[in-house]
């Protein structure tokens, strides 16, 4: 699974809109939109924040922590 799919699945499983997820991660709506569309990827720090958020939401993302794109 690639990062854009992971972002979308995370939103769906948490019942969040792109705007909701953006607020939760302290990034812009446009950033979430670009991640989901595969136009950009987060830097290592922001990626860490994203994975921490997933863990706090109870999502099993262990298989995706080593993703490099």
PDB file of N, CA and C in Angstrom:
ATOM      1  N   UNK A   1       0.851  -1.180   0.000  1.00  0.00           N
ATOM      2  CA  UNK A   1       0.000   0.000   0.000  1.00  0.00           C
ATOM      3  C   UNK A   1       0.895   1.241   0.000  1.00  0.00           C
ATOM      4  N   UNK A   2       0.525   2.220  -0.799  1.00  0.00           N
ATOM      5  CA  UNK A   2       1.319   3.436  -0.867  1.00  0.00           C
ATOM      6  C   UNK A   2       0.782   4.494   0.110  1.00  0.00           C
ATOM      7  N   UNK A   3       1.545   5.552   0.296  1.00  0.00           N
ATOM      8  CA  UNK A   3       1.180   6.565   1.283  1.00  0.00           C
ATOM      9  C   UNK A   3      -0.161   7.238   0.969  1.00  0.00           C
ATOM     10  N   UNK A   4      -0.449   7.626  -0.276  1.00  0.00           N
ATOM     11  CA  UNK A   4      -1.758   8.233  -0.549  1.00  0.00           C
ATOM     12  C   UNK A   4      -2.931   7.345  -0.120  1.00  0.00           C
ATOM     13  N   UNK A   5      -2.825   6.048  -0.392  1.00  0.00           N
ATOM     14  CA  UNK A   5      -3.887   5.121   0.028  1.00  0.00           C
ATOM     15  C   UNK A   5      -3.993   5.060   1.542  1.00  0.00           C
ATOM     16  N   UNK A   6      -2.849   5.076   2.217  1.00  0.00           N
ATOM     17  CA  UNK A   6      -2.835   5.021   3.672  1.00  0.00           C
ATOM     18  C   UNK A   6      -3.523   6.247   4.287  1.00  0.00           C
ATOM     19  N   UNK A   7      -3.279   7.407   3.713  1.00  0.00           N
ATOM     20  CA  UNK A   7      -3.923   8.627   4.212  1.00  0.00           C
ATOM     21  C   UNK A   7      -5.438   8.525   4.039  1.00  0.00           C
ATOM     22  N   UNK A   8      -5.866   8.088   2.877  1.00  0.00           N
ATOM     23  CA  UNK A   8      -7.298   7.982   2.619  1.00  0.00           C
ATOM     24  C   UNK A   8      -7.959   6.954   3.533  1.00  0.00           C
ATOM     25  N   UNK A   9      -7.342   5.801   3.703  1.00  0.00           N
ATOM     26  CA  UNK A   9      -7.893   4.763   4.572  1.00  0.00           C
ATOM     27  C   UNK A   9      -7.940   5.253   6.017  1.00  0.00           C
ATOM     28  N   UNK A  10      -6.906   5.961   6.439  1.00  0.00           N
ATOM     29  CA  UNK A  10      -6.885   6.509   7.797  1.00  0.00           C
ATOM     30  C   UNK A  10      -8.053   7.459   7.998  1.00  0.00           C
ATOM     31  N   UNK A  11      -8.287   8.321   7.032  1.00  0.00           N
ATOM     32  CA  UNK A  11      -9.423   9.251   7.135  1.00  0.00           C
ATOM     33  C   UNK A  11     -10.748   8.502   7.203  1.00  0.00           C
ATOM     34  N   UNK A  12     -10.895   7.515   6.339  1.00  0.00           N
ATOM     35  CA  UNK A  12     -12.147   6.762   6.300  1.00  0.00           C
ATOM     36  C   UNK A  12     -12.393   6.010   7.602  1.00  0.00           C
ATOM     37  N   UNK A  13     -11.351   5.374   8.128  1.00  0.00           N
ATOM     38  CA  UNK A  13     -11.509   4.602   9.356  1.00  0.00           C
ATOM     39  C   UNK A  13     -11.773   5.490  10.569  1.00  0.00           C
ATOM     40  N   UNK A  14     -11.306   6.726  10.530  1.00  0.00           N
ATOM     41  CA  UNK A  14     -11.526   7.644  11.657  1.00  0.00           C
ATOM     42  C   UNK A  14     -12.757   8.515  11.439  1.00  0.00           C
ATOM     43  N   UNK A  15     -13.375   8.403  10.257  1.00  0.00           N
ATOM     44  CA  UNK A  15     -14.563   9.194   9.960  1.00  0.00           C
ATOM     45  C   UNK A  15     -14.276  10.681   9.794  1.00  0.00           C
ATOM     46  N   UNK A  16     -13.080  11.001   9.361  1.00  0.00           N
ATOM     47  CA  UNK A  16     -12.664  12.396   9.225  1.00  0.00           C
ATOM     48  C   UNK A  16     -12.694  12.857   7.778  1.00  0.00           C
ATOM     49  N   UNK A  17     -12.939  14.137   7.612  1.00  0.00           N
ATOM     50  CA  UNK A  17     -12.788  14.756   6.299  1.00  0.00           C
ATOM     51  C   UNK A  17     -11.317  15.132   6.143  1.00  0.00           C
ATOM     52  N   UNK A  18     -10.951  15.552   4.955  1.00  0.00           N
ATOM     53  CA  UNK A  18      -9.574  16.020   4.752  1.00  0.00           C
ATOM     54  C   UNK A  18      -9.289  17.211   5.665  1.00  0.00           C
ATOM     55  N   UNK A  19     -10.263  18.073   5.819  1.00  0.00           N
ATOM     56  CA  UNK A  19     -10.095  19.243   6.677  1.00  0.00           C
ATOM     57  C   UNK A  19      -9.913  18.832   8.144  1.00  0.00           C
ATOM     58  N   UNK A  20     -10.692  17.856   8.596  1.00  0.00           N
ATOM     59  CA  UNK A  20     -10.562  17.361   9.977  1.00  0.00           C
ATOM     60  C   UNK A  20      -9.172  16.787  10.224  1.00  0.00           C
ATOM     61  N   UNK A  21      -8.700  15.968   9.294  1.00  0.00           N
ATOM     62  CA  UNK A  21      -7.374  15.369   9.444  1.00  0.00           C
ATOM     63  C   UNK A  21      -6.297  16.444   9.411  1.00  0.00           C
ATOM     64  N   UNK A  22      -6.464  17.422   8.553  1.00  0.00           N
ATOM     65  CA  UNK A  22      -5.497  18.514   8.480  1.00  0.00           C
ATOM     66  C   UNK A  22      -5.386  19.221   9.828  1.00  0.00           C
ATOM     67  N   UNK A  23      -6.527  19.501  10.445  1.00  0.00           N
ATOM     68  CA  UNK A  23      -6.520  20.154  11.770  1.00  0.00           C
ATOM     69  C   UNK A  23      -5.837  19.270  12.803  1.00  0.00           C
ATOM     70  N   UNK A  24      -6.136  17.972  12.768  1.00  0.00           N
ATOM     71  CA  UNK A  24      -5.566  17.043  13.746  1.00  0.00           C
ATOM     72  C   UNK A  24      -4.045  16.948  13.624  1.00  0.00           C
ATOM     73  N   UNK A  25      -3.544  17.092  12.409  1.00  0.00           N
ATOM     74  CA  UNK A  25      -2.100  16.969  12.165  1.00  0.00           C
ATOM     75  C   UNK A  25      -1.394  18.325  12.104  1.00  0.00           C
ATOM     76  N   UNK A  26      -2.180  19.390  12.225  1.00  0.00           N
ATOM     77  CA  UNK A  26      -1.639  20.749  12.178  1.00  0.00           C
ATOM     78  C   UNK A  26      -0.964  21.049  10.832  1.00  0.00           C
ATOM     79  N   UNK A  27      -1.642  20.633   9.769  1.00  0.00           N
ATOM     80  CA  UNK A  27      -1.214  20.955   8.405  1.00  0.00           C
ATOM     81  C   UNK A  27      -2.426  21.537   7.682  1.00  0.00           C
ATOM     82  N   UNK A  28      -2.224  22.005   6.474  1.00  0.00           N
ATOM     83  CA  UNK A  28      -3.336  22.606   5.732  1.00  0.00           C
ATOM     84  C   UNK A  28      -4.179  21.526   5.036  1.00  0.00           C
ATOM     85  N   UNK A  29      -5.413  21.914   4.719  1.00  0.00           N
ATOM     86  CA  UNK A  29      -6.297  21.054   3.937  1.00  0.00           C
ATOM     87  C   UNK A  29      -5.619  20.686   2.617  1.00  0.00           C
ATOM     88  N   UNK A  30      -4.980  21.665   1.979  1.00  0.00           N
ATOM     89  CA  UNK A  30      -4.316  21.427   0.691  1.00  0.00           C
ATOM     90  C   UNK A  30      -3.219  20.374   0.825  1.00  0.00           C
ATOM     91  N   UNK A  31      -2.536  20.358   1.958  1.00  0.00           N
ATOM     92  CA  UNK A  31      -1.484  19.366   2.178  1.00  0.00           C
ATOM     93  C   UNK A  31      -2.072  17.962   2.194  1.00  0.00           C
ATOM     94  N   UNK A  32      -3.159  17.768   2.932  1.00  0.00           N
ATOM     95  CA  UNK A  32      -3.807  16.451   2.980  1.00  0.00           C
ATOM     96  C   UNK A  32      -4.285  16.060   1.586  1.00  0.00           C
ATOM     97  N   UNK A  33      -4.857  16.995   0.879  1.00  0.00           N
ATOM     98  CA  UNK A  33      -5.345  16.736  -0.473  1.00  0.00           C
ATOM     99  C   UNK A  33      -4.199  16.299  -1.384  1.00  0.00           C
ATOM    100  N   UNK A  34      -3.073  16.972  -1.304  1.00  0.00           N
ATOM    101  CA  UNK A  34      -1.909  16.614  -2.138  1.00  0.00           C
ATOM    102  C   UNK A  34      -1.353  15.250  -1.740  1.00  0.00           C
ATOM    103  N   UNK A  35      -1.359  14.932  -0.444  1.00  0.00           N
ATOM    104  CA  UNK A  35      -0.900  13.607  -0.011  1.00  0.00           C
ATOM    105  C   UNK A  35      -1.789  12.528  -0.604  1.00  0.00           C
ATOM    106  N   UNK A  36      -3.098  12.710  -0.499  1.00  0.00           N
ATOM    107  CA  UNK A  36      -4.031  11.694  -1.007  1.00  0.00           C
ATOM    108  C   UNK A  36      -3.947  11.529  -2.517  1.00  0.00           C
ATOM    109  N   UNK A  37      -3.647  12.602  -3.214  1.00  0.00           N
ATOM    110  CA  UNK A  37      -3.545  12.539  -4.669  1.00  0.00           C
ATOM    111  C   UNK A  37      -2.152  12.148  -5.135  1.00  0.00           C
ATOM    112  N   UNK A  38      -1.243  11.923  -4.197  1.00  0.00           N
ATOM    113  CA  UNK A  38       0.111  11.495  -4.538  1.00  0.00           C
ATOM    114  C   UNK A  38       0.977  12.583  -5.131  1.00  0.00           C
ATOM    115  N   UNK A  39       0.569  13.827  -4.978  1.00  0.00           N
ATOM    116  CA  UNK A  39       1.352  14.937  -5.549  1.00  0.00           C
ATOM    117  C   UNK A  39       2.537  15.300  -4.680  1.00  0.00           C
ATOM    118  N   UNK A  40       2.409  15.115  -3.359  1.00  0.00           N
ATOM    119  CA  UNK A  40       3.512  15.355  -2.433  1.00  0.00           C
ATOM    120  C   UNK A  40       3.481  14.292  -1.353  1.00  0.00           C
ATOM    121  N   UNK A  41       4.565  14.211  -0.609  1.00  0.00           N
ATOM    122  CA  UNK A  41       4.664  13.306   0.535  1.00  0.00           C
ATOM    123  C   UNK A  41       5.204  14.104   1.709  1.00  0.00           C
ATOM    124  N   UNK A  42       4.842  13.734   2.913  1.00  0.00           N
ATOM    125  CA  UNK A  42       5.329  14.474   4.075  1.00  0.00           C
ATOM    126  C   UNK A  42       6.816  14.245   4.308  1.00  0.00           C
ATOM    127  N   UNK A  43       7.450  15.229   4.946  1.00  0.00           N
ATOM    128  CA  UNK A  43       8.839  15.029   5.343  1.00  0.00           C
ATOM    129  C   UNK A  43       8.864  14.035   6.506  1.00  0.00           C
ATOM    130  N   UNK A  44      10.039  13.634   6.943  1.00  0.00           N
ATOM    131  CA  UNK A  44      10.167  12.601   7.981  1.00  0.00           C
ATOM    132  C   UNK A  44       9.480  12.999   9.279  1.00  0.00           C
ATOM    133  N   UNK A  45       9.607  14.253   9.693  1.00  0.00           N
ATOM    134  CA  UNK A  45       8.984  14.699  10.932  1.00  0.00           C
ATOM    135  C   UNK A  45       7.462  14.633  10.840  1.00  0.00           C
ATOM    136  N   UNK A  46       6.905  15.143   9.754  1.00  0.00           N
ATOM    137  CA  UNK A  46       5.456  15.128   9.579  1.00  0.00           C
ATOM    138  C   UNK A  46       4.948  13.707   9.408  1.00  0.00           C
ATOM    139  N   UNK A  47       5.729  12.873   8.761  1.00  0.00           N
ATOM    140  CA  UNK A  47       5.354  11.473   8.608  1.00  0.00           C
ATOM    141  C   UNK A  47       5.285  10.800   9.984  1.00  0.00           C
ATOM    142  N   UNK A  48       6.217  11.132  10.848  1.00  0.00           N
ATOM    143  CA  UNK A  48       6.209  10.603  12.204  1.00  0.00           C
ATOM    144  C   UNK A  48       4.958  11.048  12.964  1.00  0.00           C
ATOM    145  N   UNK A  49       4.582  12.305  12.800  1.00  0.00           N
ATOM    146  CA  UNK A  49       3.365  12.830  13.431  1.00  0.00           C
ATOM    147  C   UNK A  49       2.143  12.069  12.902  1.00  0.00           C
ATOM    148  N   UNK A  50       2.115  11.811  11.608  1.00  0.00           N
ATOM    149  CA  UNK A  50       1.002  11.067  11.006  1.00  0.00           C
ATOM    150  C   UNK A  50       0.899   9.666  11.597  1.00  0.00           C
ATOM    151  N   UNK A  51       2.034   8.948  11.675  1.00  0.00           N
ATOM    152  CA  UNK A  51       2.013   7.593  12.200  1.00  0.00           C
ATOM    153  C   UNK A  51       1.654   7.579  13.684  1.00  0.00           C
ATOM    154  N   UNK A  52       2.106   8.566  14.447  1.00  0.00           N
ATOM    155  CA  UNK A  52       1.715   8.677  15.857  1.00  0.00           C
ATOM    156  C   UNK A  52       0.204   8.876  15.972  1.00  0.00           C
ATOM    157  N   UNK A  53      -0.342   9.707  15.102  1.00  0.00           N
ATOM    158  CA  UNK A  53      -1.789   9.936  15.082  1.00  0.00           C
ATOM    159  C   UNK A  53      -2.525   8.619  14.819  1.00  0.00           C
ATOM    160  N   UNK A  54      -2.045   7.855  13.840  1.00  0.00           N
ATOM    161  CA  UNK A  54      -2.676   6.573  13.515  1.00  0.00           C
ATOM    162  C   UNK A  54      -2.675   5.646  14.726  1.00  0.00           C
ATOM    163  N   UNK A  55      -1.554   5.573  15.426  1.00  0.00           N
ATOM    164  CA  UNK A  55      -1.466   4.712  16.605  1.00  0.00           C
ATOM    165  C   UNK A  55      -2.447   5.162  17.678  1.00  0.00           C
ATOM    166  N   UNK A  56      -2.542   6.460  17.899  1.00  0.00           N
ATOM    167  CA  UNK A  56      -3.469   6.983  18.908  1.00  0.00           C
ATOM    168  C   UNK A  56      -4.918   6.695  18.547  1.00  0.00           C
ATOM    169  N   UNK A  57      -5.188   6.545  17.266  1.00  0.00           N
ATOM    170  CA  UNK A  57      -6.532   6.225  16.803  1.00  0.00           C
ATOM    171  C   UNK A  57      -6.792   4.720  16.807  1.00  0.00           C
ATOM    172  N   UNK A  58      -5.778   3.931  17.191  1.00  0.00           N
ATOM    173  CA  UNK A  58      -5.934   2.485  17.261  1.00  0.00           C
ATOM    174  C   UNK A  58      -5.799   1.777  15.928  1.00  0.00           C
ATOM    175  N   UNK A  59      -5.192   2.439  14.955  1.00  0.00           N
ATOM    176  CA  UNK A  59      -4.999   1.828  13.634  1.00  0.00           C
ATOM    177  C   UNK A  59      -3.674   1.080  13.607  1.00  0.00           C
ATOM    178  N   UNK A  60      -3.675  -0.116  13.055  1.00  0.00           N
ATOM    179  CA  UNK A  60      -2.460  -0.925  12.973  1.00  0.00           C
ATOM    180  C   UNK A  60      -1.676  -0.521  11.737  1.00  0.00           C
ATOM    181  N   UNK A  61      -0.670   0.278  11.932  1.00  0.00           N
ATOM    182  CA  UNK A  61       0.108   0.787  10.802  1.00  0.00           C
ATOM    183  C   UNK A  61       1.561   0.304  10.858  1.00  0.00           C
ATOM    184  N   UNK A  62       1.834  -0.674  11.691  1.00  0.00           N
ATOM    185  CA  UNK A  62       3.204  -1.164  11.863  1.00  0.00           C
ATOM    186  C   UNK A  62       3.859  -1.541  10.533  1.00  0.00           C
ATOM    187  N   UNK A  63       3.108  -2.110   9.627  1.00  0.00           N
ATOM    188  CA  UNK A  63       3.664  -2.542   8.348  1.00  0.00           C
ATOM    189  C   UNK A  63       4.042  -1.376   7.441  1.00  0.00           C
ATOM    190  N   UNK A  64       3.599  -0.167   7.775  1.00  0.00           N
ATOM    191  CA  UNK A  64       3.828   0.964   6.892  1.00  0.00           C
ATOM    192  C   UNK A  64       4.877   1.945   7.403  1.00  0.00           C
ATOM    193  N   UNK A  65       5.405   1.729   8.604  1.00  0.00           N
ATOM    194  CA  UNK A  65       6.353   2.677   9.183  1.00  0.00           C
ATOM    195  C   UNK A  65       7.625   2.815   8.365  1.00  0.00           C
ATOM    196  N   UNK A  66       8.057   1.784   7.703  1.00  0.00           N
ATOM    197  CA  UNK A  66       9.282   1.839   6.940  1.00  0.00           C
ATOM    198  C   UNK A  66       9.105   2.296   5.518  1.00  0.00           C
ATOM    199  N   UNK A  67       7.956   2.826   5.186  1.00  0.00           N
ATOM    200  CA  UNK A  67       7.673   3.232   3.810  1.00  0.00           C
ATOM    201  C   UNK A  67       8.628   4.331   3.371  1.00  0.00           C
ATOM    202  N   UNK A  68       9.170   4.171   2.212  1.00  0.00           N
ATOM    203  CA  UNK A  68      10.028   5.195   1.595  1.00  0.00           C
ATOM    204  C   UNK A  68       9.487   5.430   0.206  1.00  0.00           C
ATOM    205  N   UNK A  69       9.092   6.680  -0.074  1.00  0.00           N
ATOM    206  CA  UNK A  69       8.596   6.978  -1.424  1.00  0.00           C
ATOM    207  C   UNK A  69       9.248   8.232  -1.923  1.00  0.00           C
TER     208      UNK A  69
END
